N, C-alpha and C. Protein backbone atom coordinates (compact mmCIF):
# COMPACT_ATOMS: atom_id res chain seq x y z
N MET A 1 -6.21 6.47 261.70
CA MET A 1 -4.79 6.68 261.93
C MET A 1 -4.08 6.61 260.58
N LYS A 2 -3.14 7.50 260.40
CA LYS A 2 -2.38 7.52 259.15
C LYS A 2 -1.47 6.30 259.09
N GLU A 3 -1.37 5.75 257.87
CA GLU A 3 -0.48 4.60 257.67
C GLU A 3 0.97 5.06 257.74
N LYS A 4 1.76 4.30 258.45
CA LYS A 4 3.17 4.66 258.61
C LYS A 4 3.98 3.91 257.56
N LYS A 5 4.46 4.67 256.56
CA LYS A 5 5.20 4.05 255.46
C LYS A 5 6.69 4.40 255.51
N GLU A 6 7.03 5.48 256.17
CA GLU A 6 8.41 5.95 256.19
C GLU A 6 9.18 5.27 257.32
N ARG A 7 10.48 5.19 257.15
CA ARG A 7 11.31 4.49 258.12
C ARG A 7 12.54 5.34 258.46
N LEU A 8 12.90 5.36 259.72
CA LEU A 8 14.13 6.00 260.18
C LEU A 8 15.01 4.93 260.80
N GLU A 9 16.29 5.10 260.65
CA GLU A 9 17.23 4.19 261.32
C GLU A 9 18.22 5.03 262.10
N LEU A 10 18.61 4.54 263.26
CA LEU A 10 19.63 5.22 264.03
C LEU A 10 20.50 4.19 264.74
N ARG A 11 21.68 4.60 265.05
CA ARG A 11 22.61 3.71 265.74
C ARG A 11 22.74 4.16 267.19
N VAL A 12 22.72 3.18 268.08
CA VAL A 12 22.85 3.45 269.51
C VAL A 12 23.79 2.41 270.10
N THR A 13 24.29 2.71 271.28
CA THR A 13 25.11 1.72 271.99
C THR A 13 24.19 0.68 272.61
N LYS A 14 24.77 -0.41 273.04
CA LYS A 14 24.00 -1.47 273.71
C LYS A 14 23.30 -0.91 274.95
N SER A 15 24.02 -0.11 275.75
CA SER A 15 23.41 0.43 276.96
C SER A 15 22.30 1.44 276.63
N GLU A 16 22.46 2.22 275.57
CA GLU A 16 21.40 3.14 275.16
C GLU A 16 20.16 2.36 274.71
N LYS A 17 20.38 1.31 273.94
CA LYS A 17 19.26 0.47 273.49
C LYS A 17 18.53 -0.13 274.69
N ASN A 18 19.28 -0.65 275.64
CA ASN A 18 18.66 -1.24 276.84
C ASN A 18 17.85 -0.20 277.61
N ALA A 19 18.39 1.00 277.74
CA ALA A 19 17.68 2.06 278.46
C ALA A 19 16.40 2.45 277.73
N ILE A 20 16.46 2.57 276.40
CA ILE A 20 15.28 2.91 275.62
C ILE A 20 14.23 1.81 275.75
N CYS A 21 14.65 0.56 275.69
CA CYS A 21 13.72 -0.57 275.83
C CYS A 21 13.04 -0.55 277.20
N ARG A 22 13.81 -0.31 278.25
CA ARG A 22 13.24 -0.26 279.61
C ARG A 22 12.23 0.87 279.74
N LYS A 23 12.59 2.04 279.22
CA LYS A 23 11.69 3.19 279.33
C LYS A 23 10.41 2.98 278.53
N ALA A 24 10.53 2.40 277.34
CA ALA A 24 9.34 2.11 276.53
C ALA A 24 8.43 1.14 277.26
N ALA A 25 9.01 0.09 277.83
CA ALA A 25 8.21 -0.90 278.56
C ALA A 25 7.54 -0.28 279.77
N LYS A 26 8.25 0.59 280.46
CA LYS A 26 7.67 1.25 281.65
C LYS A 26 6.46 2.09 281.28
N CYS A 27 6.46 2.64 280.06
CA CYS A 27 5.35 3.45 279.59
C CYS A 27 4.28 2.62 278.89
N GLY A 28 4.52 1.33 278.74
CA GLY A 28 3.55 0.49 278.06
C GLY A 28 3.51 0.74 276.55
N LEU A 29 4.63 1.17 275.98
CA LEU A 29 4.69 1.49 274.56
C LEU A 29 5.69 0.59 273.85
N THR A 30 5.49 0.44 272.54
CA THR A 30 6.52 -0.22 271.75
C THR A 30 7.73 0.71 271.69
N ILE A 31 8.86 0.17 271.30
CA ILE A 31 10.06 1.00 271.18
C ILE A 31 9.83 2.08 270.12
N SER A 32 9.23 1.70 269.00
CA SER A 32 8.96 2.68 267.93
C SER A 32 8.06 3.81 268.42
N GLU A 33 6.98 3.44 269.11
CA GLU A 33 6.05 4.46 269.60
C GLU A 33 6.72 5.36 270.63
N TYR A 34 7.52 4.78 271.51
CA TYR A 34 8.22 5.57 272.53
C TYR A 34 9.18 6.56 271.87
N VAL A 35 10.02 6.07 270.95
CA VAL A 35 11.00 6.95 270.30
C VAL A 35 10.28 8.02 269.49
N ARG A 36 9.21 7.65 268.78
CA ARG A 36 8.44 8.62 268.00
C ARG A 36 7.87 9.72 268.90
N LYS A 37 7.25 9.33 270.01
CA LYS A 37 6.67 10.31 270.93
C LYS A 37 7.75 11.24 271.48
N ARG A 38 8.87 10.68 271.89
CA ARG A 38 9.95 11.51 272.46
C ARG A 38 10.52 12.44 271.41
N ALA A 39 10.71 11.94 270.19
CA ALA A 39 11.29 12.78 269.13
C ALA A 39 10.36 13.93 268.75
N LEU A 40 9.05 13.72 268.92
CA LEU A 40 8.09 14.76 268.58
C LEU A 40 7.74 15.65 269.76
N GLY A 41 8.46 15.48 270.87
CA GLY A 41 8.32 16.38 272.00
C GLY A 41 7.31 15.96 273.05
N TYR A 42 6.74 14.77 272.93
CA TYR A 42 5.79 14.29 273.93
C TYR A 42 6.52 13.63 275.08
N GLU A 43 5.94 13.71 276.24
CA GLU A 43 6.49 13.06 277.44
C GLU A 43 5.55 11.91 277.80
N PRO A 44 5.85 10.68 277.34
CA PRO A 44 4.96 9.56 277.66
C PRO A 44 4.92 9.31 279.16
N ARG A 45 3.75 8.94 279.64
CA ARG A 45 3.60 8.60 281.05
C ARG A 45 3.96 7.14 281.27
N GLY A 46 4.42 6.85 282.47
CA GLY A 46 4.63 5.47 282.83
C GLY A 46 3.30 4.75 282.93
N ALA A 47 3.30 3.48 282.60
CA ALA A 47 2.06 2.70 282.70
C ALA A 47 1.70 2.53 284.17
N PRO A 48 0.41 2.65 284.50
CA PRO A 48 0.00 2.46 285.89
C PRO A 48 0.30 1.04 286.37
N THR A 49 0.60 0.90 287.63
CA THR A 49 0.92 -0.40 288.19
C THR A 49 -0.36 -1.17 288.51
N ASP A 50 -0.22 -2.47 288.68
CA ASP A 50 -1.36 -3.30 289.07
C ASP A 50 -1.92 -2.84 290.42
N ALA A 51 -1.06 -2.37 291.30
CA ALA A 51 -1.50 -1.90 292.62
C ALA A 51 -2.46 -0.72 292.47
N LEU A 52 -2.18 0.17 291.52
CA LEU A 52 -3.06 1.31 291.30
C LEU A 52 -4.42 0.84 290.78
N PHE A 53 -4.41 -0.15 289.88
CA PHE A 53 -5.67 -0.71 289.40
C PHE A 53 -6.46 -1.30 290.56
N ASP A 54 -5.79 -2.03 291.44
CA ASP A 54 -6.45 -2.64 292.60
C ASP A 54 -7.09 -1.57 293.50
N ILE A 55 -6.37 -0.49 293.71
CA ILE A 55 -6.89 0.61 294.55
C ILE A 55 -8.14 1.20 293.93
N THR A 56 -8.13 1.42 292.61
CA THR A 56 -9.30 2.01 291.98
C THR A 56 -10.51 1.07 292.04
N VAL A 57 -10.25 -0.23 291.92
CA VAL A 57 -11.35 -1.20 292.04
C VAL A 57 -11.94 -1.14 293.45
N LYS A 58 -11.09 -1.10 294.46
CA LYS A 58 -11.57 -1.04 295.84
C LYS A 58 -12.34 0.26 296.12
N LEU A 59 -11.86 1.36 295.57
CA LEU A 59 -12.58 2.62 295.72
C LEU A 59 -13.95 2.55 295.04
N SER A 60 -13.99 1.93 293.86
CA SER A 60 -15.27 1.77 293.16
C SER A 60 -16.24 0.94 293.98
N GLU A 61 -15.72 -0.11 294.62
CA GLU A 61 -16.57 -0.98 295.44
C GLU A 61 -17.17 -0.22 296.63
N LEU A 62 -16.45 0.78 297.12
CA LEU A 62 -16.97 1.58 298.23
C LEU A 62 -18.27 2.29 297.87
N THR A 63 -18.41 2.65 296.60
CA THR A 63 -19.62 3.38 296.20
C THR A 63 -20.84 2.47 296.12
N ASN A 64 -20.64 1.15 296.24
CA ASN A 64 -21.75 0.21 296.13
C ASN A 64 -22.45 -0.05 297.46
N GLY A 65 -21.92 0.46 298.54
CA GLY A 65 -22.56 0.13 299.80
C GLY A 65 -22.52 1.23 300.82
N GLY A 66 -23.67 1.65 301.25
CA GLY A 66 -23.88 2.43 302.44
C GLY A 66 -23.10 3.70 302.71
N LEU A 67 -22.50 4.32 301.73
CA LEU A 67 -21.83 5.59 301.99
C LEU A 67 -22.84 6.73 301.96
N SER A 68 -22.55 7.76 302.71
CA SER A 68 -23.38 8.95 302.62
C SER A 68 -23.21 9.53 301.21
N SER A 69 -24.14 10.35 300.80
CA SER A 69 -24.05 10.93 299.45
C SER A 69 -22.79 11.80 299.31
N GLU A 70 -22.40 12.47 300.39
CA GLU A 70 -21.19 13.30 300.35
C GLU A 70 -19.94 12.44 300.19
N ALA A 71 -19.88 11.33 300.94
CA ALA A 71 -18.72 10.43 300.86
C ALA A 71 -18.66 9.76 299.50
N GLU A 72 -19.82 9.35 298.99
CA GLU A 72 -19.85 8.72 297.67
C GLU A 72 -19.37 9.69 296.60
N LYS A 73 -19.81 10.94 296.68
CA LYS A 73 -19.36 11.95 295.71
C LYS A 73 -17.85 12.16 295.81
N ALA A 74 -17.33 12.18 297.03
CA ALA A 74 -15.88 12.36 297.21
C ALA A 74 -15.11 11.20 296.59
N VAL A 75 -15.59 9.98 296.78
CA VAL A 75 -14.93 8.81 296.19
C VAL A 75 -14.99 8.88 294.67
N LEU A 76 -16.15 9.22 294.12
CA LEU A 76 -16.28 9.31 292.67
C LEU A 76 -15.41 10.42 292.09
N ASP A 77 -15.31 11.54 292.80
CA ASP A 77 -14.42 12.63 292.35
C ASP A 77 -12.96 12.18 292.37
N LEU A 78 -12.59 11.44 293.41
CA LEU A 78 -11.22 10.92 293.51
C LEU A 78 -10.93 9.95 292.37
N LEU A 79 -11.88 9.07 292.07
CA LEU A 79 -11.71 8.13 290.96
C LEU A 79 -11.55 8.87 289.64
N THR A 80 -12.29 9.94 289.45
CA THR A 80 -12.17 10.75 288.23
C THR A 80 -10.77 11.36 288.14
N ASP A 81 -10.29 11.89 289.25
CA ASP A 81 -8.94 12.48 289.28
C ASP A 81 -7.87 11.43 288.98
N ILE A 82 -8.01 10.24 289.56
CA ILE A 82 -7.05 9.16 289.32
C ILE A 82 -7.07 8.76 287.85
N ARG A 83 -8.27 8.61 287.30
CA ARG A 83 -8.39 8.22 285.89
C ARG A 83 -7.71 9.24 284.99
N LYS A 84 -7.97 10.52 285.23
CA LYS A 84 -7.36 11.57 284.41
C LYS A 84 -5.84 11.59 284.55
N ALA A 85 -5.35 11.39 285.77
CA ALA A 85 -3.91 11.49 286.02
C ALA A 85 -3.12 10.28 285.53
N PHE A 86 -3.72 9.08 285.62
CA PHE A 86 -2.92 7.89 285.36
C PHE A 86 -3.37 7.06 284.16
N PHE A 87 -4.63 7.14 283.76
CA PHE A 87 -5.11 6.21 282.76
C PHE A 87 -5.43 6.83 281.41
N GLU A 88 -5.65 8.11 281.37
CA GLU A 88 -5.95 8.74 280.08
C GLU A 88 -4.67 9.18 279.42
N SER A 89 -4.59 8.95 278.12
CA SER A 89 -3.39 9.36 277.39
C SER A 89 -3.36 10.86 277.29
N GLU A 90 -2.15 11.37 277.19
CA GLU A 90 -1.96 12.82 277.07
C GLU A 90 -2.38 13.26 275.68
N ALA A 91 -3.12 14.33 275.63
CA ALA A 91 -3.52 14.88 274.33
C ALA A 91 -2.55 16.00 273.96
N LYS A 92 -1.85 15.79 272.88
CA LYS A 92 -0.92 16.81 272.39
C LYS A 92 -0.99 16.86 270.91
């Protein structure tokens, strides 16, 4: 990763700062990373919730016992889709 040596400063209102902080936290990013991504045209994803993690764990557990090969493949395909949609960072 390139070392970040340059600095930008900007002025915002209190409500704008609060909104930026909330949005950065929702995406699981620092404020700097959130603002940098947005300024460069990226659309950061919201961080997955704990409930989504719990669902994926339960789906994974299903593959450990007695499913038909077709059902197990369907569960594994679903887990792959969930991982791609919610857990992998966007490549841009």
